[in-house]
N, C-alpha and C. Protein backbone atom coordinates (compact mmCIF):
# COMPACT_ATOMS: atom_id res chain seq x y z
N MET A 1 31.43 18.17 -17.30
CA MET A 1 32.07 16.85 -17.28
C MET A 1 32.27 16.82 -19.50
N LEU A 2 33.18 17.02 -19.70
CA LEU A 2 33.05 17.39 -21.70
C LEU A 2 33.60 15.70 -21.93
N LEU A 3 32.73 15.25 -22.41
CA LEU A 3 32.95 14.09 -23.56
C LEU A 3 33.03 14.49 -24.83
N LYS A 4 34.12 13.94 -25.29
CA LYS A 4 34.42 13.68 -26.87
C LYS A 4 33.63 12.86 -27.47
N ASN A 5 33.18 11.64 -27.50
CA ASN A 5 32.21 10.82 -28.37
C ASN A 5 31.09 10.92 -28.31
N TYR A 6 30.52 10.24 -29.52
CA TYR A 6 29.16 10.39 -29.73
C TYR A 6 28.26 9.39 -28.83
N PHE A 7 26.72 10.14 -28.68
CA PHE A 7 26.07 9.24 -27.78
C PHE A 7 24.88 8.40 -27.97
N TYR A 8 24.59 7.35 -27.85
CA TYR A 8 23.58 7.13 -29.07
C TYR A 8 22.29 6.84 -27.68
N ALA A 9 20.99 7.28 -28.22
CA ALA A 9 20.04 7.56 -27.38
C ALA A 9 18.80 6.77 -28.12
N PHE A 10 17.32 7.39 -26.94
CA PHE A 10 16.18 6.60 -27.75
C PHE A 10 15.73 6.53 -29.23
N CYS A 11 16.61 7.68 -29.50
CA CYS A 11 16.09 8.03 -31.45
C CYS A 11 16.27 6.59 -31.83
N LEU A 12 17.34 5.91 -31.52
CA LEU A 12 18.29 4.66 -32.43
C LEU A 12 16.98 3.92 -32.53
N VAL A 13 16.29 3.54 -31.63
CA VAL A 13 16.01 2.66 -31.76
C VAL A 13 14.48 2.47 -32.43
N PHE A 14 14.31 4.28 -32.65
CA PHE A 14 12.90 4.29 -33.63
C PHE A 14 13.45 4.15 -35.63
N LEU A 15 14.90 4.37 -35.52
CA LEU A 15 15.49 4.24 -36.99
C LEU A 15 14.78 3.36 -38.07
N GLY A 16 14.68 1.87 -37.12
CA GLY A 16 14.02 0.94 -37.78
C GLY A 16 12.85 0.87 -37.82
N LEU A 17 11.97 2.04 -37.15
CA LEU A 17 10.38 1.82 -37.27
C LEU A 17 9.96 2.81 -38.83
N ALA A 18 8.76 2.46 -39.19
CA ALA A 18 8.40 3.09 -40.49
C ALA A 18 7.24 3.80 -39.65
N ILE A 19 8.59 5.08 -39.46
CA ILE A 19 7.84 6.60 -39.10
C ILE A 19 7.31 7.46 -40.15
N GLN A 20 5.98 7.87 -39.83
CA GLN A 20 5.91 9.28 -40.14
C GLN A 20 5.76 10.52 -39.70
N THR A 21 6.49 11.20 -39.62
CA THR A 21 6.60 12.76 -38.97
C THR A 21 5.98 14.07 -39.47
N GLN A 22 5.90 14.94 -39.05
CA GLN A 22 5.18 15.74 -39.81
C GLN A 22 5.87 16.70 -40.55
N ALA A 23 5.16 16.16 -42.05
CA ALA A 23 6.12 17.17 -42.96
C ALA A 23 6.61 18.58 -42.98
N ALA A 24 6.84 19.00 -43.78
CA ALA A 24 7.20 20.51 -44.18
C ALA A 24 5.84 20.94 -44.13
N THR A 25 4.73 20.97 -44.49
CA THR A 25 3.40 21.42 -45.20
C THR A 25 2.72 21.38 -43.61
N ASN A 26 3.72 20.40 -42.40
CA ASN A 26 2.85 20.27 -41.07
C ASN A 26 1.30 19.33 -41.21
N SER A 27 1.63 18.61 -42.37
CA SER A 27 0.62 17.90 -42.55
C SER A 27 0.86 16.20 -42.05
N VAL A 28 -0.26 15.41 -41.46
CA VAL A 28 -0.15 14.40 -40.98
C VAL A 28 -0.57 13.43 -41.46
N PRO A 29 -0.75 12.35 -42.19
CA PRO A 29 -1.69 11.53 -42.71
C PRO A 29 -2.37 10.85 -41.75
N THR A 30 -3.81 11.37 -41.89
CA THR A 30 -4.82 10.66 -40.75
C THR A 30 -4.69 9.51 -40.59
N ALA A 31 -4.31 8.17 -41.34
CA ALA A 31 -4.42 7.13 -41.56
C ALA A 31 -3.22 6.43 -40.76
N TYR A 32 -1.90 7.44 -40.02
CA TYR A 32 -1.24 6.71 -39.85
C TYR A 32 -1.45 7.23 -38.05
N PRO A 33 -1.69 6.11 -37.23
CA PRO A 33 -1.57 6.51 -35.58
C PRO A 33 -0.66 6.96 -34.83
N LYS A 34 -0.77 7.80 -33.99
CA LYS A 34 0.47 8.07 -32.93
C LYS A 34 1.11 6.72 -32.41
N ILE A 35 2.38 6.78 -32.64
CA ILE A 35 3.65 5.98 -31.60
C ILE A 35 2.54 5.70 -30.22
N ARG A 36 3.08 4.59 -29.84
CA ARG A 36 2.49 3.85 -28.78
C ARG A 36 3.53 3.18 -28.25
N ILE A 37 4.26 3.31 -26.93
CA ILE A 37 5.12 3.52 -26.36
C ILE A 37 5.28 2.68 -25.30
N ALA A 38 5.41 1.17 -24.45
CA ALA A 38 5.43 0.79 -23.26
C ALA A 38 6.56 0.83 -22.79
N THR A 39 7.27 0.92 -21.32
CA THR A 39 8.12 1.36 -20.59
C THR A 39 8.43 0.21 -19.39
N ASP A 40 9.32 -0.28 -19.33
CA ASP A 40 9.95 -0.87 -18.37
C ASP A 40 11.32 -0.20 -17.42
N PHE A 41 11.11 -0.19 -16.08
CA PHE A 41 11.76 0.39 -15.01
C PHE A 41 12.30 -0.72 -14.08
N GLN A 42 12.08 -1.97 -14.34
CA GLN A 42 12.60 -2.49 -13.16
C GLN A 42 14.02 -2.72 -13.33
N ARG A 43 15.18 -2.69 -14.23
CA ARG A 43 16.18 -2.86 -14.49
C ARG A 43 17.19 -1.91 -13.81
N LEU A 44 16.54 -0.86 -13.61
CA LEU A 44 17.35 0.69 -13.30
C LEU A 44 18.26 0.12 -11.46
N SER A 45 19.61 -0.48 -11.58
CA SER A 45 19.83 -0.71 -10.41
C SER A 45 21.10 0.18 -10.22
N ALA A 46 21.54 0.87 -11.02
CA ALA A 46 22.43 1.92 -10.33
C ALA A 46 21.88 3.39 -9.92
N GLY A 47 21.96 3.97 -9.08
CA GLY A 47 21.74 5.38 -9.22
C GLY A 47 21.19 5.11 -7.63
N SER A 48 20.97 6.78 -7.44
CA SER A 48 20.32 7.16 -6.08
C SER A 48 18.83 6.69 -6.31
N SER A 49 18.23 6.64 -5.17
CA SER A 49 16.77 6.30 -5.05
C SER A 49 16.17 7.73 -5.54
N ALA A 50 16.99 9.03 -4.97
CA ALA A 50 16.21 10.34 -6.09
C ALA A 50 16.04 10.18 -7.77
N TRP A 51 17.50 9.45 -7.42
CA TRP A 51 17.69 9.58 -8.98
C TRP A 51 16.26 8.67 -10.31
N LYS A 52 16.50 7.64 -9.65
CA LYS A 52 15.36 6.35 -10.00
C LYS A 52 14.14 7.30 -10.35
N THR A 53 13.71 7.78 -8.96
CA THR A 53 12.25 8.19 -9.07
C THR A 53 12.05 9.44 -9.98
N TYR A 54 13.27 10.11 -10.19
CA TYR A 54 13.18 11.12 -11.39
C TYR A 54 12.99 10.67 -12.38
N VAL A 55 13.81 9.70 -13.09
CA VAL A 55 14.07 9.01 -14.23
C VAL A 55 12.46 8.54 -14.79
N THR A 56 12.09 7.65 -13.84
CA THR A 56 10.74 6.95 -13.85
C THR A 56 9.74 7.74 -13.72
N THR A 57 9.43 9.40 -12.81
CA THR A 57 8.57 10.09 -13.22
C THR A 57 8.42 11.36 -13.61
N GLN A 58 9.38 11.47 -13.85
CA GLN A 58 9.93 12.66 -14.62
C GLN A 58 10.43 12.89 -16.03
N GLN A 59 11.52 12.38 -15.90
CA GLN A 59 12.85 12.29 -17.16
C GLN A 59 12.19 11.02 -18.46
N VAL A 60 11.84 10.26 -18.09
CA VAL A 60 11.53 9.09 -19.20
C VAL A 60 10.03 9.51 -19.83
N PRO A 61 8.97 9.56 -18.80
CA PRO A 61 7.90 10.50 -19.13
C PRO A 61 7.43 11.48 -20.02
N ALA A 62 8.45 12.22 -19.59
CA ALA A 62 8.69 13.84 -20.48
C ALA A 62 8.92 13.08 -21.84
N ALA A 63 9.95 12.64 -22.13
CA ALA A 63 10.54 11.93 -23.58
C ALA A 63 9.33 11.34 -24.19
N VAL A 64 8.73 9.97 -23.11
CA VAL A 64 7.90 9.24 -24.08
C VAL A 64 6.85 10.17 -24.32
N ASP A 65 6.10 11.15 -23.57
CA ASP A 65 5.24 12.14 -24.19
C ASP A 65 5.85 12.93 -25.43
N TYR A 66 6.74 13.36 -25.74
CA TYR A 66 6.98 14.16 -26.77
C TYR A 66 7.09 13.31 -27.89
N LEU A 67 7.46 12.00 -27.98
CA LEU A 67 7.62 11.22 -28.79
C LEU A 67 5.98 10.64 -29.34
N GLN A 68 5.68 10.42 -28.50
CA GLN A 68 4.01 10.12 -28.82
C GLN A 68 3.54 10.98 -29.32
N GLY A 69 3.47 12.30 -29.28
CA GLY A 69 2.98 13.17 -29.67
C GLY A 69 3.29 13.70 -31.15
N ALA A 70 4.72 13.40 -31.16
CA ALA A 70 5.24 13.64 -32.22
C ALA A 70 5.69 12.85 -33.64
N LEU A 71 5.33 11.51 -33.50
CA LEU A 71 5.64 10.41 -34.55
C LEU A 71 4.32 9.52 -34.58
N ASN A 72 4.16 9.33 -35.90
CA ASN A 72 3.00 8.69 -36.25
C ASN A 72 3.92 7.17 -36.79
N VAL A 73 2.92 6.11 -36.91
CA VAL A 73 3.60 4.92 -36.96
C VAL A 73 2.70 4.11 -38.47
N LYS A 74 3.86 4.29 -39.63
CA LYS A 74 2.95 3.75 -40.67
C LYS A 74 2.51 2.11 -40.84
N TYR A 75 3.42 1.23 -39.70
CA TYR A 75 2.87 0.07 -39.60
C TYR A 75 3.01 -0.25 -38.20
N PRO A 76 1.75 0.22 -37.13
CA PRO A 76 1.48 0.18 -35.85
C PRO A 76 1.44 -1.85 -35.75
N GLN A 77 1.82 -2.02 -34.27
CA GLN A 77 1.54 -3.37 -34.02
C GLN A 77 -0.52 -3.51 -34.31
N VAL A 78 -0.71 -4.40 -34.51
CA VAL A 78 -2.11 -4.76 -34.19
C VAL A 78 -2.39 -5.80 -32.75
N ASN A 79 -1.79 -6.60 -32.86
CA ASN A 79 -2.04 -7.43 -31.33
C ASN A 79 -0.74 -6.98 -30.89
N PRO A 80 -1.48 -7.32 -29.03
CA PRO A 80 -0.42 -6.65 -28.47
C PRO A 80 0.99 -7.46 -28.46
N ILE A 81 1.83 -7.01 -27.88
CA ILE A 81 3.64 -7.00 -27.81
C ILE A 81 3.56 -8.35 -26.63
N LYS A 82 3.61 -9.58 -27.43
CA LYS A 82 3.88 -10.67 -26.20
C LYS A 82 5.65 -11.61 -26.24
N SER A 83 5.61 -11.73 -25.49
CA SER A 83 6.73 -12.55 -25.14
C SER A 83 6.63 -13.89 -24.78
N THR A 84 6.86 -14.76 -24.97
CA THR A 84 7.07 -16.38 -24.13
C THR A 84 8.45 -16.77 -23.75
N ALA A 85 9.31 -16.02 -24.52
CA ALA A 85 10.86 -16.19 -24.19
C ALA A 85 10.97 -15.99 -22.59
N THR A 86 12.12 -17.03 -22.04
CA THR A 86 12.48 -16.33 -20.50
C THR A 86 12.78 -15.54 -20.33
N ASN A 87 13.95 -14.81 -21.42
CA ASN A 87 14.37 -13.55 -21.66
C ASN A 87 14.41 -12.88 -22.43
N THR A 88 13.95 -11.49 -22.69
CA THR A 88 13.99 -10.67 -23.87
C THR A 88 15.17 -9.21 -23.51
N CYS A 89 16.08 -9.07 -24.21
CA CYS A 89 16.62 -8.02 -24.26
C CYS A 89 17.82 -7.97 -22.91
N GLY A 90 18.39 -9.24 -22.74
CA GLY A 90 19.14 -9.77 -21.87
C GLY A 90 18.61 -9.79 -20.51
N PHE A 91 17.69 -9.53 -20.55
CA PHE A 91 16.78 -9.57 -18.81
C PHE A 91 15.54 -10.58 -18.53
N ALA A 92 15.33 -10.92 -17.49
CA ALA A 92 14.03 -11.36 -17.44
C ALA A 92 13.24 -11.65 -18.14
N THR A 93 12.07 -11.86 -18.87
CA THR A 93 10.50 -10.89 -19.64
C THR A 93 9.62 -11.14 -18.36
N PRO A 94 9.81 -9.46 -18.10
CA PRO A 94 8.76 -8.35 -17.48
C PRO A 94 7.07 -9.58 -17.83
N THR A 95 6.39 -10.18 -16.22
CA THR A 95 5.22 -10.27 -16.28
C THR A 95 4.16 -9.43 -17.29
N ALA A 96 4.40 -8.26 -17.81
CA ALA A 96 3.79 -6.74 -18.78
C ALA A 96 3.37 -8.05 -19.65
N LEU A 97 4.94 -8.29 -20.27
CA LEU A 97 5.57 -8.79 -21.48
C LEU A 97 4.88 -10.05 -21.95
N ARG A 98 5.05 -10.68 -20.82
CA ARG A 98 4.22 -12.20 -20.70
C ARG A 98 2.73 -12.36 -21.69
N ASN A 99 2.06 -11.19 -20.43
CA ASN A 99 0.29 -11.03 -20.66
C ASN A 99 0.10 -10.12 -21.81
N GLY A 100 1.13 -9.61 -22.82
CA GLY A 100 0.94 -8.88 -23.53
C GLY A 100 0.85 -7.25 -23.40
N VAL A 101 1.30 -6.36 -24.18
CA VAL A 101 1.29 -4.86 -23.96
C VAL A 101 0.58 -4.43 -25.18
N ASN A 102 -0.26 -3.22 -25.29
CA ASN A 102 -0.73 -3.09 -26.22
C ASN A 102 0.09 -1.85 -26.61
N ALA A 103 1.26 -1.45 -27.22
CA ALA A 103 2.47 -0.56 -28.08
C ALA A 103 2.66 -1.01 -29.25
N ASP A 104 3.32 -0.44 -29.40
CA ASP A 104 4.11 -0.67 -30.96
C ASP A 104 5.27 -0.68 -30.44
N ILE A 105 6.13 -0.30 -29.33
CA ILE A 105 7.30 -0.48 -28.58
C ILE A 105 7.39 -0.79 -27.26
N PHE A 106 8.35 -2.09 -27.12
CA PHE A 106 8.34 -2.08 -25.42
C PHE A 106 9.84 -1.77 -24.76
N VAL A 107 10.11 -0.68 -24.01
CA VAL A 107 11.67 -0.16 -24.29
C VAL A 107 11.90 -0.80 -22.51
N PHE A 108 13.32 -1.32 -22.36
CA PHE A 108 13.55 -1.57 -20.89
C PHE A 108 14.33 -0.32 -20.95
N PHE A 109 14.40 -0.18 -19.85
CA PHE A 109 15.55 1.03 -19.01
C PHE A 109 16.02 0.21 -18.19
N ASN A 110 17.84 0.55 -18.12
CA ASN A 110 19.00 -0.03 -16.84
C ASN A 110 19.68 1.13 -16.77
N SER A 111 20.30 0.67 -15.68
CA SER A 111 21.34 1.94 -15.14
C SER A 111 22.67 1.34 -14.70
N VAL A 112 24.00 1.68 -15.19
CA VAL A 112 24.98 1.74 -14.63
C VAL A 112 25.75 2.87 -14.00
N ASN A 113 26.62 3.06 -13.45
CA ASN A 113 27.69 4.14 -12.89
C ASN A 113 28.81 3.33 -13.32
N ASN A 114 29.32 4.01 -14.49
CA ASN A 114 30.94 3.88 -15.13
C ASN A 114 31.58 4.52 -15.07
N SER A 115 32.63 5.02 -14.19
CA SER A 115 33.05 6.42 -14.75
C SER A 115 33.95 6.22 -16.11
N ASN A 116 34.50 4.97 -16.47
CA ASN A 116 35.34 4.74 -17.30
C ASN A 116 34.43 4.41 -18.55
N ALA A 117 33.41 4.51 -19.30
CA ALA A 117 32.55 4.43 -20.07
C ALA A 117 32.36 5.87 -20.86
N SER A 118 32.17 5.44 -21.98
CA SER A 118 32.29 7.42 -22.96
C SER A 118 30.86 7.08 -23.38
N TRP A 119 29.98 7.00 -22.82
CA TRP A 119 28.48 6.56 -23.13
C TRP A 119 27.83 7.59 -21.96
N ILE A 120 26.38 8.02 -22.51
CA ILE A 120 25.65 8.42 -21.77
C ILE A 120 24.05 7.68 -21.58
N THR A 121 23.91 7.66 -22.77
CA THR A 121 22.94 6.42 -22.84
C THR A 121 23.14 5.75 -24.15
N ALA A 122 22.71 4.64 -24.01
CA ALA A 122 23.40 3.48 -24.93
C ALA A 122 22.14 2.84 -25.47
N THR A 123 21.41 2.54 -26.50
CA THR A 123 20.60 1.45 -27.43
C THR A 123 20.64 0.27 -27.89
N THR A 124 19.95 -0.34 -27.30
CA THR A 124 20.02 -1.40 -28.24
C THR A 124 19.05 -2.05 -28.43
N LEU A 125 18.65 -2.54 -29.96
CA LEU A 125 17.41 -3.33 -30.57
C LEU A 125 17.07 -4.69 -30.13
N CYS A 126 16.35 -5.05 -29.80
CA CYS A 126 15.89 -6.47 -28.83
C CYS A 126 15.11 -7.36 -30.19
N THR A 127 14.19 -6.96 -30.42
CA THR A 127 13.23 -7.98 -31.21
C THR A 127 12.56 -7.00 -32.16
N LEU A 128 12.62 -7.51 -33.67
CA LEU A 128 11.73 -7.12 -34.55
C LEU A 128 10.42 -7.83 -34.90
N SER A 129 9.44 -7.27 -35.33
CA SER A 129 7.66 -7.92 -34.87
C SER A 129 8.26 -8.99 -36.76
N GLY A 130 7.26 -9.91 -36.96
CA GLY A 130 7.67 -10.85 -37.82
C GLY A 130 6.90 -10.20 -38.95
N GLY A 131 6.55 -11.06 -40.05
CA GLY A 131 5.88 -10.47 -40.82
C GLY A 131 6.66 -9.35 -42.22
N THR A 132 6.09 -9.35 -43.45
CA THR A 132 6.78 -8.63 -44.47
C THR A 132 7.12 -7.11 -43.92
N VAL A 133 6.73 -6.64 -42.87
CA VAL A 133 7.28 -5.37 -42.52
C VAL A 133 7.58 -5.62 -41.17
N ARG A 134 9.16 -5.57 -41.03
CA ARG A 134 9.62 -6.11 -39.62
C ARG A 134 10.33 -4.81 -39.12
N THR A 135 9.57 -4.75 -37.73
CA THR A 135 9.73 -3.17 -37.12
C THR A 135 10.19 -3.72 -35.70
N PRO A 136 11.15 -2.66 -35.21
CA PRO A 136 11.38 -3.00 -33.81
C PRO A 136 10.03 -3.12 -32.75
N ILE A 137 10.50 -4.02 -31.80
CA ILE A 137 8.98 -3.84 -30.90
C ILE A 137 9.41 -4.22 -29.29
N ALA A 138 10.66 -4.50 -29.07
CA ALA A 138 11.53 -4.21 -27.95
C ALA A 138 13.15 -3.55 -28.23
N ALA A 139 13.59 -3.01 -27.53
CA ALA A 139 14.51 -2.64 -27.14
C ALA A 139 15.33 -1.95 -25.71
N ASN A 140 16.41 -1.83 -25.97
CA ASN A 140 16.83 -1.63 -24.18
C ASN A 140 17.92 -0.32 -23.92
N ILE A 141 17.57 0.57 -23.46
CA ILE A 141 18.32 1.69 -23.22
C ILE A 141 19.09 1.60 -22.03
N GLY A 142 20.18 2.01 -21.82
CA GLY A 142 20.87 1.93 -20.82
C GLY A 142 21.50 3.38 -20.55
N ILE A 143 21.16 3.54 -19.20
CA ILE A 143 22.03 5.13 -18.64
C ILE A 143 23.43 4.88 -18.02
N ASN A 144 24.12 5.80 -18.30
CA ASN A 144 25.48 5.66 -17.42
C ASN A 144 24.66 6.73 -16.03
N THR A 145 24.62 6.60 -14.70
CA THR A 145 24.78 7.38 -13.90
C THR A 145 25.96 7.95 -13.73
N TYR A 146 26.66 7.86 -14.13
CA TYR A 146 28.04 8.73 -13.46
C TYR A 146 27.77 9.73 -14.49
N TYR A 147 27.25 10.17 -15.48
CA TYR A 147 27.09 11.25 -16.41
C TYR A 147 25.61 11.99 -16.22
N MET A 148 24.71 11.39 -15.74
CA MET A 148 23.67 11.74 -15.51
C MET A 148 23.22 12.01 -14.37
N GLU A 149 22.90 13.66 -13.70
CA GLU A 149 22.70 13.57 -12.24
C GLU A 149 20.74 13.98 -12.48
N THR A 150 20.45 13.66 -11.09
CA THR A 150 19.20 14.09 -11.29
C THR A 150 19.09 15.70 -11.28
N ALA A 151 18.16 15.78 -12.54
CA ALA A 151 17.99 17.58 -12.40
C ALA A 151 16.72 18.19 -11.41
N ASP A 152 17.56 19.31 -10.66
CA ASP A 152 16.78 20.36 -9.79
C ASP A 152 15.88 20.71 -10.81
N MET A 153 14.68 20.17 -10.39
CA MET A 153 13.49 20.96 -11.19
C MET A 153 13.05 22.38 -11.10
N THR A 154 13.75 23.01 -9.90
CA THR A 154 13.98 24.68 -9.87
C THR A 154 14.60 25.11 -11.51
N ASP A 155 15.56 24.40 -11.86
CA ASP A 155 16.00 24.40 -13.45
C ASP A 155 15.88 23.83 -14.28
N PRO A 156 15.31 24.56 -15.05
CA PRO A 156 14.35 24.03 -16.29
C PRO A 156 15.58 23.47 -17.33
N LEU A 157 16.44 24.02 -17.67
CA LEU A 157 17.78 23.50 -18.63
C LEU A 157 18.20 22.35 -18.66
N GLY A 158 18.08 22.32 -17.33
CA GLY A 158 18.81 20.54 -16.25
C GLY A 158 17.88 19.89 -17.14
N HIS A 159 16.53 20.04 -16.60
CA HIS A 159 15.92 18.97 -17.06
C HIS A 159 15.58 18.78 -18.25
N ASN A 160 15.71 19.41 -19.44
CA ASN A 160 15.55 19.73 -20.75
C ASN A 160 16.85 19.01 -21.00
N SER A 161 17.80 19.03 -20.65
CA SER A 161 19.07 18.73 -20.97
C SER A 161 18.92 17.13 -21.05
N ASN A 162 18.34 16.84 -19.51
CA ASN A 162 18.21 15.32 -19.27
C ASN A 162 17.21 14.62 -20.21
N ILE A 163 15.94 15.31 -20.46
CA ILE A 163 15.71 14.50 -21.70
C ILE A 163 15.91 14.72 -23.24
N TYR A 164 16.85 15.79 -23.44
CA TYR A 164 17.36 15.70 -24.77
C TYR A 164 18.28 14.28 -24.60
N ILE A 165 18.92 14.40 -23.36
CA ILE A 165 20.30 13.17 -23.90
C ILE A 165 19.41 11.70 -24.27
N ILE A 166 18.04 11.49 -23.69
CA ILE A 166 16.84 10.32 -23.66
C ILE A 166 16.75 10.18 -25.51
N ILE A 167 15.89 11.08 -25.80
CA ILE A 167 15.66 11.04 -27.23
C ILE A 167 16.53 11.65 -28.53
N HIS A 168 17.35 11.83 -28.20
CA HIS A 168 18.06 12.29 -29.49
C HIS A 168 19.63 11.04 -29.52
N PRO A 169 19.83 10.84 -30.86
CA PRO A 169 20.69 9.89 -31.13
C PRO A 169 22.02 10.43 -30.73
N ARG A 170 22.04 10.90 -31.12
CA ARG A 170 24.13 11.39 -30.76
C ARG A 170 24.16 12.79 -30.11
N HIS A 171 25.05 12.83 -29.08
CA HIS A 171 25.25 13.86 -28.32
C HIS A 171 26.59 14.47 -28.56
N TYR A 172 27.17 15.37 -28.66
CA TYR A 172 28.55 16.29 -28.88
C TYR A 172 28.85 16.90 -27.53
N TRP A 173 29.52 16.03 -26.40
CA TRP A 173 29.57 16.91 -25.22
C TRP A 173 31.49 17.89 -24.69
């Protein structure tokens, strides 16, 4: 399917983070720890059972592994991310987030099936940390299942394309 609009995805979440990536010299300051990403899949309502299994066990974990290996955080969270709010990112706050999650960012994933939408993935920043340096600590990523199919794992290009959709901010199709 050819789409001509921009698609926003996973990395938009990180635009507000004070991130340090490898410099041209391939040196990363050892003082900056790797980013820690926690995910929540309870809001994946659209999509087949096979699609949900693919997203939760293969696609998103691969994207998270990539980002956690590639990104360092200048201002990591020193305390667990915790919410006492009834709702976070437009959803009921999950128990894990109420108890506290040791991460730099907590990402909710949800899904819709909308043939009229002009997006594959859409990212919303929900919560910023307090203090002097306000970094994103909660975000929501919506996935439009109409445009994203379960990759056949015998086709590495299809799987790679789906990972690309999750971790890159704009897509031209």
